[in-house]
Amino acid sequence: MFPSPGPRRSVALVVAVAATALGLTGCSVDASQQKPESKSFRYAGTALKLTTHEVATDLVAADRKDIKVTRWFDAAAGSEHLTWTLKGDTLDIDAGCSGIAFCDAKFRVEVPRGIAVLKDGRKTGLTGKK
């Protein structure tokens, strides 16, 4: 008797189909080449918790009274998920793809001078001098 092809053959088929699909869509993505989108949030607190979901994020102390978030995003394949919300003292930002996907993202977050920022649960040096 011959062994059945089993799950290995199925996995190989899925990989082959995925590689073909990605080859057709192209895999070159570069967020820095995309037109940025911005959103501002009113904020009167003295400390901010920033959750980035491991997306590249530049933090900047700025002469402003609100929080400004700028996002660059590029995707070649996959299901996009884009988030930027402020609830209480937590700013949640995320940009990525799921499934068989290629995407790139980066953020810039400008906060008013004097606000202490925790990024992904860790203290940052960003407090800015008033």
N, C-alpha and C. Protein backbone atom coordinates (compact mmCIF):
# COMPACT_ATOMS: atom_id res chain seq x y z
N MET A 1 0.83 -1.18 0.00
CA MET A 1 0.00 0.00 0.00
C MET A 1 0.87 1.24 0.00
N PHE A 2 0.33 2.26 -0.59
CA PHE A 2 1.02 3.55 -0.62
C PHE A 2 0.45 4.45 0.46
N PRO A 3 1.32 5.25 1.12
CA PRO A 3 0.79 6.15 2.16
C PRO A 3 -0.06 7.25 1.52
N SER A 4 -1.08 7.69 2.22
CA SER A 4 -1.92 8.76 1.70
C SER A 4 -1.14 10.07 1.77
N PRO A 5 -1.45 11.03 0.84
CA PRO A 5 -0.72 12.29 0.81
C PRO A 5 -0.88 13.09 2.10
N GLY A 6 -2.01 12.99 2.76
CA GLY A 6 -2.22 13.60 4.06
C GLY A 6 -2.03 15.11 4.11
N PRO A 7 -1.82 15.62 5.35
CA PRO A 7 -1.78 17.05 5.56
C PRO A 7 -0.58 17.74 4.93
N ARG A 8 0.53 17.04 4.73
CA ARG A 8 1.71 17.68 4.13
C ARG A 8 1.41 18.17 2.73
N ARG A 9 0.71 17.35 1.96
CA ARG A 9 0.37 17.74 0.59
C ARG A 9 -0.57 18.94 0.60
N SER A 10 -1.51 18.96 1.53
CA SER A 10 -2.44 20.08 1.65
C SER A 10 -1.70 21.36 2.00
N VAL A 11 -0.77 21.28 2.93
CA VAL A 11 0.02 22.45 3.31
C VAL A 11 0.84 22.95 2.13
N ALA A 12 1.45 22.04 1.40
CA ALA A 12 2.25 22.42 0.23
C ALA A 12 1.39 23.12 -0.81
N LEU A 13 0.16 22.63 -1.01
CA LEU A 13 -0.74 23.24 -1.97
C LEU A 13 -1.12 24.66 -1.54
N VAL A 14 -1.43 24.83 -0.26
CA VAL A 14 -1.77 26.16 0.26
C VAL A 14 -0.60 27.12 0.09
N VAL A 15 0.60 26.67 0.40
CA VAL A 15 1.79 27.52 0.25
C VAL A 15 2.00 27.89 -1.21
N ALA A 16 1.83 26.94 -2.11
CA ALA A 16 2.02 27.22 -3.54
C ALA A 16 0.99 28.24 -4.04
N VAL A 17 -0.26 28.09 -3.63
CA VAL A 17 -1.30 29.04 -4.04
C VAL A 17 -1.00 30.43 -3.48
N ALA A 18 -0.59 30.49 -2.21
CA ALA A 18 -0.28 31.78 -1.59
C ALA A 18 0.89 32.46 -2.30
N ALA A 19 1.93 31.71 -2.61
CA ALA A 19 3.09 32.28 -3.29
C ALA A 19 2.71 32.82 -4.65
N THR A 20 1.86 32.09 -5.37
CA THR A 20 1.40 32.55 -6.68
C THR A 20 0.59 33.83 -6.54
N ALA A 21 -0.33 33.86 -5.58
CA ALA A 21 -1.17 35.05 -5.38
C ALA A 21 -0.33 36.26 -5.03
N LEU A 22 0.64 36.09 -4.14
CA LEU A 22 1.49 37.22 -3.74
C LEU A 22 2.36 37.68 -4.91
N GLY A 23 2.78 36.75 -5.73
CA GLY A 23 3.57 37.12 -6.91
C GLY A 23 2.77 37.97 -7.86
N LEU A 24 1.48 37.70 -7.97
CA LEU A 24 0.63 38.48 -8.87
C LEU A 24 0.32 39.86 -8.32
N THR A 25 0.21 40.00 -7.01
CA THR A 25 -0.14 41.30 -6.42
C THR A 25 1.09 42.15 -6.16
N GLY A 26 2.26 41.55 -6.12
CA GLY A 26 3.47 42.30 -5.78
C GLY A 26 3.62 42.39 -4.29
N CYS A 27 4.84 42.45 -3.81
CA CYS A 27 5.04 42.46 -2.36
C CYS A 27 5.73 43.72 -1.90
N SER A 28 5.92 44.65 -2.75
CA SER A 28 6.65 45.84 -2.36
C SER A 28 5.70 46.86 -1.75
N VAL A 29 5.86 47.11 -0.47
CA VAL A 29 5.08 48.13 0.21
C VAL A 29 6.02 49.03 0.98
N ASP A 30 5.71 50.31 1.02
CA ASP A 30 6.54 51.29 1.72
C ASP A 30 5.65 52.42 2.20
N ALA A 31 5.33 52.39 3.48
CA ALA A 31 4.43 53.40 4.05
C ALA A 31 4.96 54.82 3.86
N SER A 32 6.28 55.00 3.91
CA SER A 32 6.83 56.35 3.81
C SER A 32 6.58 56.99 2.45
N GLN A 33 6.22 56.20 1.46
CA GLN A 33 5.93 56.73 0.12
C GLN A 33 4.45 57.10 -0.05
N GLN A 34 3.64 56.85 0.96
CA GLN A 34 2.20 57.11 0.88
C GLN A 34 1.85 58.49 1.43
N LYS A 35 0.71 59.01 0.99
CA LYS A 35 0.23 60.28 1.50
C LYS A 35 -0.24 60.08 2.95
N PRO A 36 0.25 60.90 3.88
CA PRO A 36 -0.13 60.72 5.28
C PRO A 36 -1.58 61.16 5.55
N GLU A 37 -2.17 60.53 6.56
CA GLU A 37 -3.48 60.92 7.08
C GLU A 37 -3.26 61.41 8.51
N SER A 38 -4.02 62.41 8.93
CA SER A 38 -3.87 62.94 10.30
C SER A 38 -5.21 63.04 10.99
N LYS A 39 -5.16 62.91 12.31
CA LYS A 39 -6.34 63.07 13.14
C LYS A 39 -5.89 63.71 14.45
N SER A 40 -6.70 64.64 14.95
CA SER A 40 -6.37 65.31 16.22
C SER A 40 -7.40 64.94 17.28
N PHE A 41 -6.92 64.89 18.53
CA PHE A 41 -7.77 64.55 19.66
C PHE A 41 -7.61 65.62 20.74
N ARG A 42 -8.73 66.13 21.26
CA ARG A 42 -8.66 67.05 22.40
C ARG A 42 -8.21 66.26 23.61
N TYR A 43 -7.32 66.87 24.42
CA TYR A 43 -6.82 66.17 25.60
C TYR A 43 -6.40 67.17 26.66
N ALA A 44 -6.92 67.00 27.88
CA ALA A 44 -6.60 67.92 28.97
C ALA A 44 -5.85 67.23 30.10
N GLY A 45 -5.49 65.96 29.94
CA GLY A 45 -4.81 65.22 31.00
C GLY A 45 -3.34 65.59 31.14
N THR A 46 -2.70 65.01 32.13
CA THR A 46 -1.27 65.28 32.37
C THR A 46 -0.41 64.07 32.04
N ALA A 47 -1.05 62.91 31.80
CA ALA A 47 -0.33 61.70 31.42
C ALA A 47 -1.15 60.96 30.37
N LEU A 48 -0.45 60.33 29.44
CA LEU A 48 -1.09 59.61 28.34
C LEU A 48 -0.52 58.21 28.24
N LYS A 49 -1.40 57.23 28.09
CA LYS A 49 -0.99 55.85 27.84
C LYS A 49 -1.15 55.60 26.34
N LEU A 50 -0.05 55.26 25.67
CA LEU A 50 -0.06 55.03 24.24
C LEU A 50 0.14 53.55 23.97
N THR A 51 -0.79 52.95 23.23
CA THR A 51 -0.68 51.55 22.83
C THR A 51 -0.45 51.53 21.32
N THR A 52 0.70 50.96 20.90
CA THR A 52 1.09 51.02 19.48
C THR A 52 0.96 49.69 18.74
N HIS A 53 0.75 48.61 19.45
CA HIS A 53 0.67 47.28 18.82
C HIS A 53 1.92 46.99 17.99
N GLU A 54 3.06 47.49 18.46
CA GLU A 54 4.37 47.27 17.85
C GLU A 54 4.52 47.89 16.45
N VAL A 55 3.70 48.89 16.14
CA VAL A 55 3.86 49.63 14.89
C VAL A 55 4.86 50.75 15.14
N ALA A 56 5.77 50.98 14.21
CA ALA A 56 6.78 52.04 14.35
C ALA A 56 6.08 53.37 14.64
N THR A 57 6.49 54.01 15.75
CA THR A 57 5.84 55.24 16.18
C THR A 57 6.86 56.23 16.70
N ASP A 58 6.86 57.42 16.12
CA ASP A 58 7.69 58.52 16.61
C ASP A 58 6.85 59.36 17.56
N LEU A 59 7.39 59.66 18.73
CA LEU A 59 6.72 60.52 19.71
C LEU A 59 7.42 61.87 19.73
N VAL A 60 6.62 62.94 19.73
CA VAL A 60 7.18 64.28 19.69
C VAL A 60 6.44 65.17 20.67
N ALA A 61 7.19 65.87 21.53
CA ALA A 61 6.60 66.92 22.37
C ALA A 61 6.48 68.16 21.50
N ALA A 62 5.28 68.73 21.44
CA ALA A 62 5.04 69.85 20.52
C ALA A 62 4.30 70.98 21.23
N ASP A 63 4.41 72.15 20.65
CA ASP A 63 3.69 73.32 21.16
C ASP A 63 2.27 73.27 20.60
N ARG A 64 1.43 72.48 21.24
CA ARG A 64 0.04 72.35 20.83
C ARG A 64 -0.81 72.01 22.05
N LYS A 65 -2.13 72.14 21.92
CA LYS A 65 -3.02 71.86 23.04
C LYS A 65 -3.76 70.54 22.87
N ASP A 66 -3.66 69.93 21.70
CA ASP A 66 -4.30 68.65 21.44
C ASP A 66 -3.24 67.61 21.08
N ILE A 67 -3.69 66.38 20.85
CA ILE A 67 -2.79 65.32 20.40
C ILE A 67 -3.03 65.14 18.91
N LYS A 68 -1.97 65.16 18.14
CA LYS A 68 -2.09 64.96 16.69
C LYS A 68 -1.41 63.65 16.32
N VAL A 69 -2.14 62.81 15.61
CA VAL A 69 -1.62 61.53 15.15
C VAL A 69 -1.57 61.57 13.63
N THR A 70 -0.41 61.24 13.07
CA THR A 70 -0.24 61.14 11.63
C THR A 70 0.11 59.70 11.30
N ARG A 71 -0.56 59.16 10.28
CA ARG A 71 -0.38 57.76 9.91
C ARG A 71 0.00 57.66 8.44
N TRP A 72 1.01 56.82 8.18
CA TRP A 72 1.40 56.45 6.82
C TRP A 72 1.12 54.95 6.70
N PHE A 73 0.43 54.53 5.65
CA PHE A 73 0.06 53.12 5.52
C PHE A 73 0.07 52.71 4.06
N ASP A 74 0.59 51.51 3.81
CA ASP A 74 0.60 50.94 2.46
C ASP A 74 0.34 49.45 2.58
N ALA A 75 -0.50 48.91 1.71
CA ALA A 75 -0.79 47.48 1.73
C ALA A 75 -0.89 46.96 0.31
N ALA A 76 -0.34 45.77 0.09
CA ALA A 76 -0.42 45.12 -1.22
C ALA A 76 -1.42 43.98 -1.20
N ALA A 77 -1.67 43.40 -0.05
CA ALA A 77 -2.60 42.28 0.05
C ALA A 77 -3.02 42.11 1.49
N GLY A 78 -4.14 41.44 1.68
CA GLY A 78 -4.61 41.13 3.02
C GLY A 78 -5.75 42.03 3.44
N SER A 79 -6.30 41.72 4.59
CA SER A 79 -7.39 42.51 5.16
C SER A 79 -6.79 43.57 6.07
N GLU A 80 -7.05 44.82 5.77
CA GLU A 80 -6.49 45.94 6.55
C GLU A 80 -7.24 46.11 7.86
N HIS A 81 -6.51 46.50 8.90
CA HIS A 81 -7.14 46.95 10.14
C HIS A 81 -6.41 48.21 10.58
N LEU A 82 -7.16 49.30 10.66
CA LEU A 82 -6.62 50.62 11.00
C LEU A 82 -7.38 51.16 12.20
N THR A 83 -6.63 51.58 13.23
CA THR A 83 -7.24 52.08 14.46
C THR A 83 -6.49 53.30 14.95
N TRP A 84 -7.24 54.30 15.37
CA TRP A 84 -6.68 55.41 16.14
C TRP A 84 -7.83 56.00 16.96
N THR A 85 -7.85 55.64 18.23
CA THR A 85 -8.90 56.08 19.13
C THR A 85 -8.30 56.54 20.46
N LEU A 86 -8.96 57.52 21.06
CA LEU A 86 -8.58 58.00 22.38
C LEU A 86 -9.77 57.77 23.30
N LYS A 87 -9.57 56.92 24.31
CA LYS A 87 -10.60 56.65 25.31
C LYS A 87 -10.00 56.94 26.67
N GLY A 88 -10.53 57.96 27.33
CA GLY A 88 -9.96 58.36 28.62
C GLY A 88 -8.54 58.85 28.43
N ASP A 89 -7.60 58.20 29.12
CA ASP A 89 -6.20 58.61 28.99
C ASP A 89 -5.39 57.64 28.12
N THR A 90 -6.09 56.80 27.33
CA THR A 90 -5.40 55.81 26.50
C THR A 90 -5.62 56.08 25.02
N LEU A 91 -4.52 56.28 24.31
CA LEU A 91 -4.55 56.44 22.86
C LEU A 91 -4.13 55.11 22.25
N ASP A 92 -5.01 54.52 21.47
CA ASP A 92 -4.77 53.22 20.85
C ASP A 92 -4.59 53.44 19.35
N ILE A 93 -3.38 53.11 18.85
CA ILE A 93 -3.12 53.24 17.42
C ILE A 93 -2.64 51.90 16.88
N ASP A 94 -3.11 51.57 15.70
CA ASP A 94 -2.70 50.32 15.07
C ASP A 94 -2.95 50.43 13.58
N ALA A 95 -2.12 49.77 12.82
CA ALA A 95 -2.28 49.71 11.37
C ALA A 95 -1.58 48.45 10.90
N GLY A 96 -2.30 47.60 10.26
CA GLY A 96 -1.70 46.37 9.78
C GLY A 96 -2.64 45.60 8.89
N CYS A 97 -2.25 44.37 8.60
CA CYS A 97 -3.02 43.49 7.73
C CYS A 97 -3.08 42.12 8.35
N SER A 98 -4.07 41.36 7.96
CA SER A 98 -4.15 39.98 8.40
C SER A 98 -4.39 39.08 7.19
N GLY A 99 -4.25 37.81 7.40
CA GLY A 99 -4.36 36.86 6.30
C GLY A 99 -3.04 36.80 5.56
N ILE A 100 -3.10 36.40 4.31
CA ILE A 100 -1.90 36.41 3.47
C ILE A 100 -1.72 37.87 3.07
N ALA A 101 -0.77 38.54 3.70
CA ALA A 101 -0.73 40.00 3.60
C ALA A 101 0.68 40.56 3.57
N PHE A 102 0.80 41.69 2.91
CA PHE A 102 2.00 42.51 2.95
C PHE A 102 1.54 43.94 3.17
N CYS A 103 2.00 44.54 4.28
CA CYS A 103 1.67 45.93 4.52
C CYS A 103 2.77 46.57 5.35
N ASP A 104 2.77 47.89 5.37
CA ASP A 104 3.77 48.66 6.10
C ASP A 104 3.06 49.86 6.69
N ALA A 105 3.44 50.24 7.91
CA ALA A 105 2.80 51.37 8.57
C ALA A 105 3.78 52.06 9.48
N LYS A 106 3.52 53.35 9.70
CA LYS A 106 4.25 54.08 10.72
C LYS A 106 3.37 55.23 11.19
N PHE A 107 3.62 55.67 12.42
CA PHE A 107 2.86 56.76 13.03
C PHE A 107 3.81 57.82 13.56
N ARG A 108 3.28 59.03 13.69
CA ARG A 108 3.93 60.12 14.42
C ARG A 108 2.87 60.67 15.35
N VAL A 109 3.19 60.72 16.65
CA VAL A 109 2.25 61.22 17.64
C VAL A 109 2.85 62.46 18.28
N GLU A 110 2.16 63.58 18.12
CA GLU A 110 2.59 64.85 18.71
C GLU A 110 1.71 65.11 19.94
N VAL A 111 2.36 65.29 21.09
CA VAL A 111 1.62 65.54 22.32
C VAL A 111 2.03 66.91 22.88
N PRO A 112 1.11 67.55 23.61
CA PRO A 112 1.46 68.84 24.22
C PRO A 112 2.64 68.70 25.17
N ARG A 113 3.48 69.70 25.20
CA ARG A 113 4.60 69.71 26.14
C ARG A 113 4.06 69.60 27.56
N GLY A 114 4.78 68.88 28.41
CA GLY A 114 4.38 68.73 29.81
C GLY A 114 3.58 67.47 30.08
N ILE A 115 3.16 66.75 29.05
CA ILE A 115 2.42 65.50 29.25
C ILE A 115 3.40 64.34 29.32
N ALA A 116 3.27 63.53 30.35
CA ALA A 116 4.09 62.31 30.48
C ALA A 116 3.44 61.22 29.62
N VAL A 117 4.26 60.43 28.95
CA VAL A 117 3.73 59.40 28.06
C VAL A 117 4.28 58.02 28.43
N LEU A 118 3.38 57.06 28.60
CA LEU A 118 3.73 55.65 28.72
C LEU A 118 3.47 55.03 27.36
N LYS A 119 4.49 54.43 26.77
CA LYS A 119 4.33 53.78 25.46
C LYS A 119 4.35 52.28 25.67
N ASP A 120 3.26 51.63 25.36
CA ASP A 120 3.12 50.18 25.53
C ASP A 120 3.51 49.74 26.94
N GLY A 121 3.07 50.53 27.94
CA GLY A 121 3.30 50.19 29.33
C GLY A 121 4.65 50.60 29.89
N ARG A 122 5.49 51.22 29.08
CA ARG A 122 6.82 51.63 29.54
C ARG A 122 6.95 53.15 29.55
N LYS A 123 7.65 53.64 30.56
CA LYS A 123 7.90 55.09 30.63
C LYS A 123 8.73 55.51 29.43
N THR A 124 8.47 56.70 28.96
CA THR A 124 9.29 57.28 27.90
C THR A 124 9.93 58.53 28.47
N GLY A 125 10.91 59.04 27.79
CA GLY A 125 11.55 60.28 28.19
C GLY A 125 10.77 61.48 27.72
N LEU A 126 9.65 61.24 27.08
CA LEU A 126 8.88 62.33 26.49
C LEU A 126 7.96 62.97 27.54
N THR A 127 8.37 64.11 28.03
CA THR A 127 7.50 64.90 28.87
C THR A 127 7.53 66.34 28.37
N GLY A 128 8.58 66.70 27.67
CA GLY A 128 8.69 68.05 27.16
C GLY A 128 8.76 69.05 28.29
N LYS A 129 9.51 70.07 28.13
CA LYS A 129 9.61 71.13 29.14
C LYS A 129 8.65 72.24 28.75
N LYS A 130 7.96 72.75 29.77
CA LYS A 130 7.02 73.86 29.52
C LYS A 130 7.79 75.14 29.42
